[in-house]
Protein backbone atom coordinates (compact mmCIF):
# COMPACT_ATOMS: atom_id res chain seq x y z
CA MET A 1 0.00 -0.06 -0.11
CA THR A 2 1.69 3.19 -1.17
CA MET A 3 1.61 6.67 0.57
CA LYS A 4 -0.83 7.82 -2.13
CA SER A 5 -3.27 5.03 -1.32
CA SER A 6 -2.98 5.89 2.39
CA LEU A 7 -3.67 9.40 1.61
CA LEU A 8 -6.74 8.55 -0.48
CA TYR A 9 -8.16 6.26 2.25
CA ALA A 10 -7.55 9.08 4.79
CA CYS A 11 -9.67 11.46 2.61
CA ARG A 12 -12.32 8.71 2.38
CA LEU A 13 -12.30 8.60 6.27
CA LEU A 14 -12.80 12.35 6.40
CA PHE A 15 -15.11 12.79 3.40
CA PRO A 16 -17.08 9.54 2.91
CA ARG A 17 -19.36 9.18 -0.17
CA LYS A 18 -22.41 9.68 1.82
CA SER A 19 -24.78 12.66 2.49
CA SER A 20 -24.14 14.67 5.63
CA SER A 21 -27.13 13.20 7.27
CA GLN A 22 -25.73 9.66 7.06
CA LYS A 23 -22.32 10.51 8.68
CA SER A 24 -21.25 7.96 11.24
CA ASN A 25 -20.81 8.80 14.90
CA GLY A 26 -17.00 8.42 14.52
CA GLN A 27 -16.95 11.13 11.72
CA LYS A 28 -19.11 13.33 13.69
CA SER A 29 -16.81 13.08 16.63
CA LEU A 30 -13.89 13.73 14.49
CA ILE A 31 -15.41 17.00 13.16
CA GLY A 32 -16.32 17.93 16.81
CA ALA A 33 -12.79 17.29 18.02
CA MET A 34 -11.63 19.53 15.14
CA LEU A 35 -14.04 22.20 16.35
CA CYS A 36 -12.81 21.79 19.91
CA ILE A 37 -9.24 22.23 18.94
CA GLY A 38 -10.02 25.42 17.09
CA VAL A 39 -12.04 26.92 19.97
CA SER A 40 -9.32 25.96 22.34
CA LEU A 41 -6.75 27.72 20.32
CA ILE A 42 -8.57 30.95 20.25
CA PRO A 43 -7.85 31.78 23.95
CA LEU A 44 -4.38 30.49 23.63
CA VAL A 45 -3.47 32.67 20.76
CA ALA A 46 -5.24 35.70 22.33
CA VAL A 47 -3.48 35.23 25.67
CA LEU A 48 -0.16 34.95 23.92
CA VAL A 49 -0.63 38.15 21.72
CA ILE A 50 -2.15 40.22 24.58
CA SER A 51 0.36 39.20 27.20
CA GLN A 52 3.17 39.88 24.79
CA GLY A 53 1.77 43.34 23.91
CA MET A 54 1.17 44.16 27.48
CA ILE A 55 4.70 43.13 28.63
CA GLU A 56 6.28 45.04 25.87
CA GLY A 57 4.14 48.07 26.44
CA ILE A 58 4.86 48.05 30.25
CA THR A 59 8.49 47.25 29.84
CA GLY A 60 8.96 49.99 27.07
CA ARG A 61 7.45 52.54 29.38
CA MET A 62 9.64 51.51 32.35
CA ILE A 63 12.76 51.68 30.12
CA GLY A 64 11.85 54.81 28.13
CA LEU A 65 10.21 56.95 30.78
CA SER A 66 12.05 55.87 33.96
CA SER A 67 15.37 54.16 33.87
CA GLN A 68 16.41 54.34 30.25
CA ASP A 69 18.89 51.68 29.09
CA ILE A 70 21.65 52.58 31.58
CA SER A 71 21.43 54.66 34.82
CA VAL A 72 24.41 56.32 36.38
CA VAL A 73 23.81 57.24 39.99
CA ILE A 74 26.01 59.88 41.46
CA SER A 75 26.32 59.71 45.35
CA SER A 76 29.55 61.75 45.67
CA GLU A 77 28.77 65.20 47.21
CA GLY A 78 30.62 68.11 45.66
CA TYR A 79 31.01 66.86 42.22
CA VAL A 80 27.51 67.72 40.58
CA ASP A 81 26.50 70.87 42.48
CA THR A 82 25.30 73.11 39.70
CA TYR A 83 23.40 72.77 36.52
CA GLU A 84 26.58 73.41 34.58
CA ASP A 85 28.25 70.37 36.31
CA ALA A 86 25.32 68.18 35.15
CA LEU A 87 25.76 69.47 31.62
CA TYR A 88 29.44 68.83 31.63
CA LEU A 89 28.97 65.26 33.00
CA SER A 90 26.32 64.66 30.41
CA ARG A 91 28.58 65.62 27.54
CA ARG A 92 31.35 63.40 29.04
CA LEU A 93 29.13 60.45 29.16
CA SER A 94 27.69 61.05 25.76
CA ASN A 95 31.13 60.74 24.24
CA ILE A 96 31.32 56.98 25.31
CA ASP A 97 31.06 54.53 22.48
CA GLY A 98 27.51 53.18 22.25
CA VAL A 99 25.85 55.98 24.23
CA GLU A 100 23.45 57.85 22.14
CA ASN A 101 21.75 60.33 24.48
CA VAL A 102 22.20 61.33 28.24
CA TYR A 103 19.45 62.87 30.24
CA PRO A 104 20.48 64.40 33.64
CA GLU A 105 17.85 64.23 36.28
CA ILE A 106 17.33 64.91 40.06
CA GLN A 107 14.81 62.83 41.97
CA ALA A 108 13.30 63.42 45.25
CA THR A 109 10.21 62.64 47.31
CA ALA A 110 7.98 65.31 48.71
CA LEU A 111 4.55 66.18 49.89
CA ALA A 112 2.26 67.99 47.36
CA ALA A 113 -0.70 70.05 48.38
CA GLY A 114 -3.41 71.02 46.04
CA LYS A 115 -6.87 72.63 46.25
CA SER A 116 -8.61 69.85 48.16
CA ALA A 117 -6.01 67.28 49.31
CA ARG A 118 -2.53 66.32 49.89
CA SER A 119 -0.48 63.41 48.49
CA GLY A 120 3.01 62.07 48.27
CA ALA A 121 4.87 63.12 45.05
CA PHE A 122 7.80 61.87 43.23
CA ILE A 123 9.65 65.04 41.92
CA ARG A 124 11.60 64.54 38.82
CA ALA A 125 13.68 67.63 37.89
CA VAL A 126 14.44 67.23 34.10
CA GLN A 127 15.70 69.47 31.22
CA SER A 128 12.90 71.76 30.06
CA ASP A 129 12.97 70.31 26.57
CA ILE A 130 12.88 66.67 27.51
CA PHE A 131 9.36 66.23 26.20
CA GLU A 132 10.58 67.16 22.76
CA SER A 133 14.27 65.90 22.70
CA ASN A 134 13.52 62.46 24.32
CA SER A 135 11.75 60.27 21.76
CA SER A 136 10.34 58.02 24.45
CA PHE A 137 8.81 61.04 26.28
CA SER A 138 7.33 62.51 23.05
CA SER A 139 5.87 59.05 21.92
CA LEU A 140 4.65 57.49 25.16
CA PHE A 141 3.33 60.46 27.10
CA SER A 142 -0.05 61.76 26.02
CA LEU A 143 -1.13 65.23 26.89
CA VAL A 144 -4.30 65.29 28.94
CA GLU A 145 -4.51 69.02 29.52
CA GLY A 146 -2.24 72.12 28.88
CA SER A 147 1.08 71.78 27.36
CA PHE A 148 4.62 70.33 27.95
CA ASN A 149 5.98 73.80 29.07
CA LEU A 150 8.88 73.75 31.51
CA SER A 151 10.47 76.90 30.28
CA GLU A 152 9.87 78.94 33.46
CA GLU A 153 11.55 78.06 36.83
CA ASN A 154 8.12 77.65 38.60
CA ASN A 155 6.42 75.54 35.84
CA ALA A 156 5.39 71.89 36.63
CA VAL A 157 4.06 69.15 34.50
CA ILE A 158 2.24 66.53 36.56
CA GLY A 159 0.67 63.09 36.20
CA LYS A 160 -2.92 62.55 35.49
CA LYS A 161 -3.45 60.49 38.71
CA ILE A 162 -1.87 62.96 41.08
CA SER A 163 -3.77 65.75 39.45
CA GLU A 164 -7.10 63.93 40.19
CA LEU A 165 -5.94 63.28 43.79
CA LEU A 166 -5.06 66.89 44.38
CA GLY A 167 -7.98 68.29 42.22
CA LEU A 168 -5.57 70.27 39.98
CA HIS A 169 -6.01 71.60 36.46
CA CYS A 170 -3.77 73.74 34.29
CA GLY A 171 -3.13 77.11 35.70
CA ASP A 172 -3.54 76.03 39.27
CA SER A 173 -0.89 76.32 41.91
CA VAL A 174 0.72 73.19 43.68
CA LYS A 175 2.75 73.50 46.76
CA VAL A 176 5.53 71.02 47.25
CA ILE A 177 6.91 70.54 50.80
CA CYS A 178 10.30 69.01 50.77
CA VAL A 179 13.14 68.71 53.22
CA ASN A 180 16.21 70.95 53.25
CA GLN A 181 19.40 70.96 55.28
CA SER A 182 20.43 74.19 57.08
CA SER A 183 23.99 75.40 57.44
CA ALA A 184 24.01 74.08 60.96
CA GLY A 185 23.19 70.54 59.63
CA ARG A 186 19.49 70.58 60.79
CA ILE A 187 16.80 69.19 58.60
CA VAL A 188 14.08 71.83 57.97
CA PRO A 189 10.97 71.76 55.73
CA LYS A 190 10.84 73.92 52.69
CA VAL A 191 7.82 74.93 50.70
CA LEU A 192 7.99 75.50 46.94
CA SER A 193 5.19 76.70 44.84
CA PHE A 194 4.69 75.71 41.14
CA THR A 195 2.20 76.52 38.45
CA VAL A 196 0.73 73.52 36.67
CA THR A 197 1.24 73.93 32.89
CA GLY A 198 0.43 70.41 31.79
CA ILE A 199 -1.19 67.18 32.94
CA VAL A 200 0.15 64.08 31.14
CA SER A 201 -0.39 60.24 31.10
CA CYS A 202 1.74 57.42 29.83
CA GLY A 203 -1.28 55.05 30.04
CA TYR A 204 0.15 53.09 33.02
CA GLN A 205 -0.87 54.69 36.35
CA GLU A 206 1.31 52.36 38.39
CA LEU A 207 4.30 54.02 36.88
CA ASP A 208 3.40 57.79 36.56
CA ALA A 209 0.86 58.03 39.30
CA LEU A 210 2.94 60.43 41.48
CA TRP A 211 5.29 62.02 39.00
CA LEU A 212 5.75 65.85 39.16
CA PHE A 213 8.16 67.27 36.60
CA ILE A 214 10.00 70.51 37.29
CA PRO A 215 12.92 72.17 35.52
CA LEU A 216 16.34 70.83 36.31
CA GLN A 217 17.72 74.23 37.00
CA THR A 218 15.12 74.90 39.68
CA ALA A 219 16.06 71.73 41.49
CA PHE A 220 19.72 72.80 41.75
CA SER A 221 18.77 76.12 43.34
CA SER A 222 15.77 74.88 45.40
CA LEU A 223 16.10 71.23 46.40
CA SER A 224 18.51 69.81 48.93
CA LEU A 225 21.00 67.68 46.86
CA SER A 226 21.98 65.70 49.91
CA SER A 227 18.32 64.17 50.29
CA SER A 228 17.89 63.92 46.59
CA SER A 229 19.17 61.46 43.84
CA ILE A 230 21.33 62.68 40.91
CA ILE A 231 20.76 60.40 38.03
CA PHE A 232 22.07 60.46 34.37
CA SER A 233 19.98 58.23 32.12
CA LEU A 234 21.71 56.84 29.20
CA SER A 235 20.01 55.73 25.97
CA THR A 236 21.56 53.22 23.44
CA ALA A 237 20.52 51.88 20.04
CA ASP A 238 18.73 48.75 21.48
CA SER A 239 17.67 48.24 24.95
CA PHE A 240 17.71 44.39 24.44
CA SER A 241 21.07 44.07 22.64
CA PRO A 242 23.79 41.90 24.12
CA GLN A 243 26.12 44.95 23.65
CA LEU A 244 24.32 46.65 26.44
CA GLN A 245 26.58 44.92 28.97
CA ILE A 246 29.68 46.02 27.07
CA ILE A 247 28.44 49.59 27.01
CA LYS A 248 27.81 49.45 30.78
CA ASP A 249 31.44 48.36 31.26
CA ARG A 250 32.73 51.22 29.19
CA VAL A 251 30.63 53.70 31.31
CA GLN A 252 32.07 52.11 34.58
CA ASP A 253 35.65 52.34 33.21
CA ASP A 254 35.17 56.07 32.55
CA LEU A 255 33.61 56.82 35.85
CA TYR A 256 36.25 54.88 37.59
CA GLY A 257 39.09 56.81 36.03
CA LEU A 258 40.26 53.90 33.73
CA SER A 259 40.07 56.19 30.73
CA ASP A 260 41.48 59.73 30.13
CA ASN A 261 38.81 61.28 32.41
CA PRO A 262 39.21 61.82 36.21
CA GLU A 263 37.42 59.30 38.52
CA ILE A 264 34.07 60.21 39.95
CA PRO A 265 33.93 58.46 43.43
CA ALA A 266 30.69 56.71 44.76
CA SER A 267 29.10 56.44 41.33
CA TYR A 268 27.10 53.52 40.41
CA VAL A 269 26.00 52.08 37.02
CA TYR A 270 22.92 49.93 36.44
CA MET A 271 21.31 48.49 33.46
CA TRP A 272 17.50 48.63 33.16
CA ASN A 273 16.96 44.95 33.65
CA GLU A 274 18.86 45.18 36.94
CA LEU A 275 16.76 48.05 38.19
CA ASN A 276 13.44 46.34 37.11
CA ALA A 277 14.45 42.68 37.52
CA SER A 278 11.54 41.83 39.90
CA GLN A 279 8.82 43.37 37.63
CA TYR A 280 10.25 41.86 34.34
CA GLU A 281 10.50 38.48 35.90
CA ASN A 282 7.00 38.68 37.49
CA PHE A 283 5.64 39.53 33.92
CA ALA A 284 7.54 36.63 32.32
CA SER A 285 6.47 34.06 34.81
CA THR A 286 2.91 35.30 34.64
CA LYS A 287 2.84 34.87 30.94
CA ILE A 288 4.24 31.36 31.11
CA LEU A 289 1.63 30.25 33.70
CA LEU A 290 -1.18 31.61 31.60
CA LEU A 291 0.17 29.97 28.55
CA LEU A 292 0.56 26.64 30.40
CA ILE A 293 -3.13 26.72 31.42
CA MET A 294 -4.16 27.42 27.78
CA LEU A 295 -1.95 24.61 26.65
CA LEU A 296 -3.69 22.14 29.00
CA ILE A 297 -7.03 23.16 27.41
CA VAL A 298 -5.58 22.33 23.96
CA LEU A 299 -4.31 18.97 25.25
CA VAL A 300 -7.73 18.08 26.56
CA ALA A 301 -9.33 19.08 23.21
CA SER A 302 -6.76 16.92 21.34
CA VAL A 303 -7.62 13.80 23.22
CA ASN A 304 -11.03 14.10 21.47
CA ILE A 305 -9.25 13.21 18.18
CA SER A 306 -8.07 9.89 19.73
CA SER A 307 -11.54 9.11 20.94
CA ALA A 308 -13.08 9.90 17.50
CA LEU A 309 -10.50 7.71 15.59
CA ILE A 310 -11.16 4.81 17.94
CA MET A 311 -14.85 4.96 17.12
CA ILE A 312 -13.98 5.15 13.36
CA VAL A 313 -11.80 2.10 13.66
CA MET A 314 -14.57 0.10 15.30
CA GLU A 315 -17.06 1.22 12.70
CA ARG A 316 -14.81 0.33 9.86
CA ARG A 317 -13.43 -2.96 11.04
CA LYS A 318 -14.85 -4.87 8.16
CA GLU A 319 -13.65 -2.30 5.56
CA ILE A 320 -10.19 -2.48 7.12
CA ALA A 321 -10.20 -6.33 7.04
CA ILE A 322 -11.24 -6.28 3.28
CA LEU A 323 -8.54 -3.84 2.43
CA LYS A 324 -5.84 -5.96 4.21
CA SER A 325 -7.17 -9.01 2.44
CA VAL A 326 -6.72 -7.41 -0.97
CA GLY A 327 -3.15 -6.49 -0.20
CA ALA A 328 -3.21 -3.30 1.98
CA SER A 329 -0.31 -3.29 4.47
CA PRO A 330 -0.67 -2.64 8.20
CA LEU A 331 1.67 0.33 7.88
CA GLY A 332 -0.47 1.84 5.04
CA ILE A 333 -3.69 1.56 7.21
CA THR A 334 -1.74 3.13 10.07
CA TRP A 335 -0.58 6.06 8.01
CA ALA A 336 -4.07 6.59 6.74
CA PHE A 337 -5.42 6.99 10.26
CA LEU A 338 -2.45 9.08 11.28
CA LEU A 339 -3.13 11.38 8.38
CA ALA A 340 -6.84 11.74 9.28
CA GLY A 341 -5.97 12.66 12.83
CA SER A 342 -3.51 15.14 11.62
CA ALA A 343 -5.93 16.64 9.22
CA ALA A 344 -8.37 17.19 12.10
CA GLY A 345 -5.60 18.99 14.03
CA LEU A 346 -4.78 21.03 10.96
CA GLY A 347 -8.43 22.01 10.47
CA GLY A 348 -8.74 23.10 14.04
CA LEU A 349 -5.53 25.12 13.64
CA ILE A 350 -7.11 26.78 10.50
CA ILE A 351 -10.18 27.68 12.51
CA GLY A 352 -8.56 28.77 15.73
CA LEU A 353 -5.52 30.68 14.64
CA PRO A 354 -7.26 33.34 12.55
CA LEU A 355 -10.06 33.70 15.05
CA GLY A 356 -7.55 34.07 17.89
CA LEU A 357 -5.60 36.75 15.92
CA LEU A 358 -8.79 38.46 15.15
CA ALA A 359 -9.80 38.65 18.73
CA SER A 360 -6.26 39.90 19.73
CA VAL A 361 -6.24 42.73 17.19
CA ASN A 362 -9.62 43.98 18.27
CA ILE A 363 -8.98 43.33 22.05
CA ASN A 364 -9.31 46.93 23.06
CA PHE A 365 -12.71 47.33 21.27
CA LEU A 366 -13.90 44.00 22.81
CA ILE A 367 -12.85 45.09 26.31
CA HIS A 368 -14.51 48.44 26.05
CA PHE A 369 -17.68 46.87 24.52
CA MET A 370 -17.85 44.42 27.46
CA GLU A 371 -17.20 47.29 30.01
CA LYS A 372 -20.21 49.20 28.49
CA ILE A 373 -22.44 46.02 28.72
CA VAL A 374 -21.51 45.34 32.33
CA ASN A 375 -22.09 49.03 33.45
CA ILE A 376 -25.39 49.22 31.59
CA PHE A 377 -26.48 46.09 33.25
CA LEU A 378 -25.48 47.38 36.76
CA GLN A 379 -27.18 50.75 36.06
CA CYS A 380 -30.39 48.85 35.16
CA LEU A 381 -30.06 46.64 38.27
CA LEU A 382 -29.51 49.79 40.63
CA PHE A 383 -32.38 51.50 38.99
CA ILE A 384 -34.69 48.63 39.64
CA VAL A 385 -33.35 48.09 43.35
CA ARG A 386 -32.95 51.85 44.36
CA GLY A 387 -34.92 53.80 41.84
CA ASN A 388 -31.79 55.61 40.54
CA SER A 389 -28.36 54.70 39.21
CA HIS A 390 -26.41 57.88 39.73
CA SER A 391 -24.22 56.34 42.59
CA ILE A 392 -22.52 53.70 40.43
CA ASN A 393 -18.88 53.88 39.80
CA ALA A 394 -17.88 52.79 36.33
CA ILE A 395 -16.37 49.32 36.39
CA HIS A 396 -13.10 48.74 34.39
CA LEU A 397 -12.24 45.24 33.36
CA LEU A 398 -8.59 46.29 33.35
CA ASP A 399 -7.88 48.56 36.23
CA PRO A 400 -5.70 51.35 34.88
CA ALA A 401 -3.75 51.50 38.08
CA TYR A 402 -2.25 48.12 37.28
CA TYR A 403 -2.67 47.58 33.50
CA LEU A 404 -2.18 49.58 30.44
CA GLN A 405 -5.21 51.67 29.57
CA GLU A 406 -4.75 50.61 25.88
CA ILE A 407 -3.29 47.31 25.17
CA PRO A 408 -0.68 47.46 22.34
CA VAL A 409 -1.02 44.53 19.88
CA SER A 410 2.24 42.76 19.35
CA ILE A 411 2.03 39.56 17.25
CA PRO A 412 4.88 37.13 18.17
CA PHE A 413 5.30 35.17 14.94
CA LYS A 414 7.89 32.69 16.31
CA GLU A 415 5.72 31.75 19.22
CA LEU A 416 2.70 31.39 16.91
CA LEU A 417 4.70 29.07 14.66
CA ILE A 418 5.67 26.89 17.69
CA ILE A 419 2.07 26.63 18.70
CA ALA A 420 1.11 25.59 15.18
CA LEU A 421 3.70 23.03 14.99
CA GLY A 422 3.01 21.79 18.57
CA THR A 423 -0.70 21.46 17.65
CA LEU A 424 0.08 19.31 14.70
CA LEU A 425 2.55 17.10 16.60
CA LEU A 426 0.07 16.65 19.34
CA SER A 427 -2.65 15.71 16.93
CA ILE A 428 -0.36 13.08 15.45
CA ALA A 429 0.58 11.88 18.94
CA VAL A 430 -2.97 11.27 20.13
CA SER A 431 -3.70 9.63 16.78
CA ALA A 432 -0.93 7.13 17.18
CA PHE A 433 -2.78 4.67 19.40
CA PRO A 434 -5.96 4.27 17.39
CA ALA A 435 -3.81 4.25 14.13
CA ILE A 436 -1.44 1.47 15.27
CA LYS A 437 -4.54 -0.52 16.62
CA ALA A 438 -6.08 -0.27 13.22
CA GLY A 439 -2.93 -1.39 11.51
CA ARG A 440 -2.35 -4.35 13.86
CA GLY A 441 -5.85 -5.83 13.44
CA LYS A 442 -6.09 -9.43 11.92
CA PRO A 443 -8.43 -9.41 8.94
CA LEU A 444 -9.36 -13.20 9.37
CA ASP A 445 -10.43 -12.75 12.90
CA THR A 446 -12.40 -9.62 11.95
CA LEU A 447 -14.15 -11.31 9.07
CA ARG A 448 -15.19 -14.38 11.09
CA LYS A 449 -16.90 -12.23 13.69
CA MET A 450 -18.90 -10.36 10.93
């Protein structure tokens, strides 16, 4: 029995010469198994694409808006005391091979007071043109209100969340209470007043909830450098390149005085994956756990192929015995059933993969649509119970405090290819037992029982 004959018999198993109303239970089960695989692949593909996009979106914001690729922390007092010192060190670091841009920054924690409330604030003193000069800032920050104006020394750009907490809008005044060190060494509070010129959001509140941007020059004249952190954020061509470690070593050599420049004591260099190691590992482990759960669903659905083929073998015992009697080989019969099971898996793949991608591409629309349905249902329920629905708080399926407000779609083609190959191999594996059983059957014993 040639491979062509096995292929023809496999096609006959899948598409018998009968009307659809006369299909056997085994064939119906095989079609059902194919549909089950397709349905199980939809959430698997959706979880893979959505988690990939979510991880890339959050990681990109952590790198581009917070740490950059490499962070240089200067702890030595007396080296960077003025704005001119910061500019000099920025130029020095930018001359290192592999470093494309350097962004000096002073970070400090403070208490911010608005019209109606107070809240902790994370002060970020940056260069006044950073929202234009830094490509990550310009692309990832969206302007909620006002403008990115830090040209005046008392201007401030604040995050959307802290503006809601303090009840602030553009043009309002925000008071910042920070600590300062007197000439006698005593810690005294200092009150600074800023005018809100812009309210921004990066779409991930856990990152930018308490950010308050002020001009870098203002920080050197108003903040206590001893209670603040002086950081130089370095960007490179590729945040995920293996060359990043080499660039970090060059930066360390320069700061430690191993090059032509003088040493800067108490300076520390970190890569972005060192500063955000816990978050990045948490994202990766969560993604793997979700994919394992979805893979178990696909495995359970694939078992249906084995059950369906067993039913077909039992229904076609006489037909198989006759084929063997006229010269069909056991291996050829086995191949025919393996091809039939593989075709069922391929059919499920053809159904599930496009539908999963379609759901992933439109995930933001689907989430917003489901949120509207849930909120409308709750409004109707409250109206029936209380007579009004004004007290309801809108429900968000993805809390913006912990998730991205808009999920970026990132299609991982390599992972999808692995899923496709894995599904086909799984279909072949679960088809092996009934296929081998069909091939080993003895035709004489079968015909005697008929």
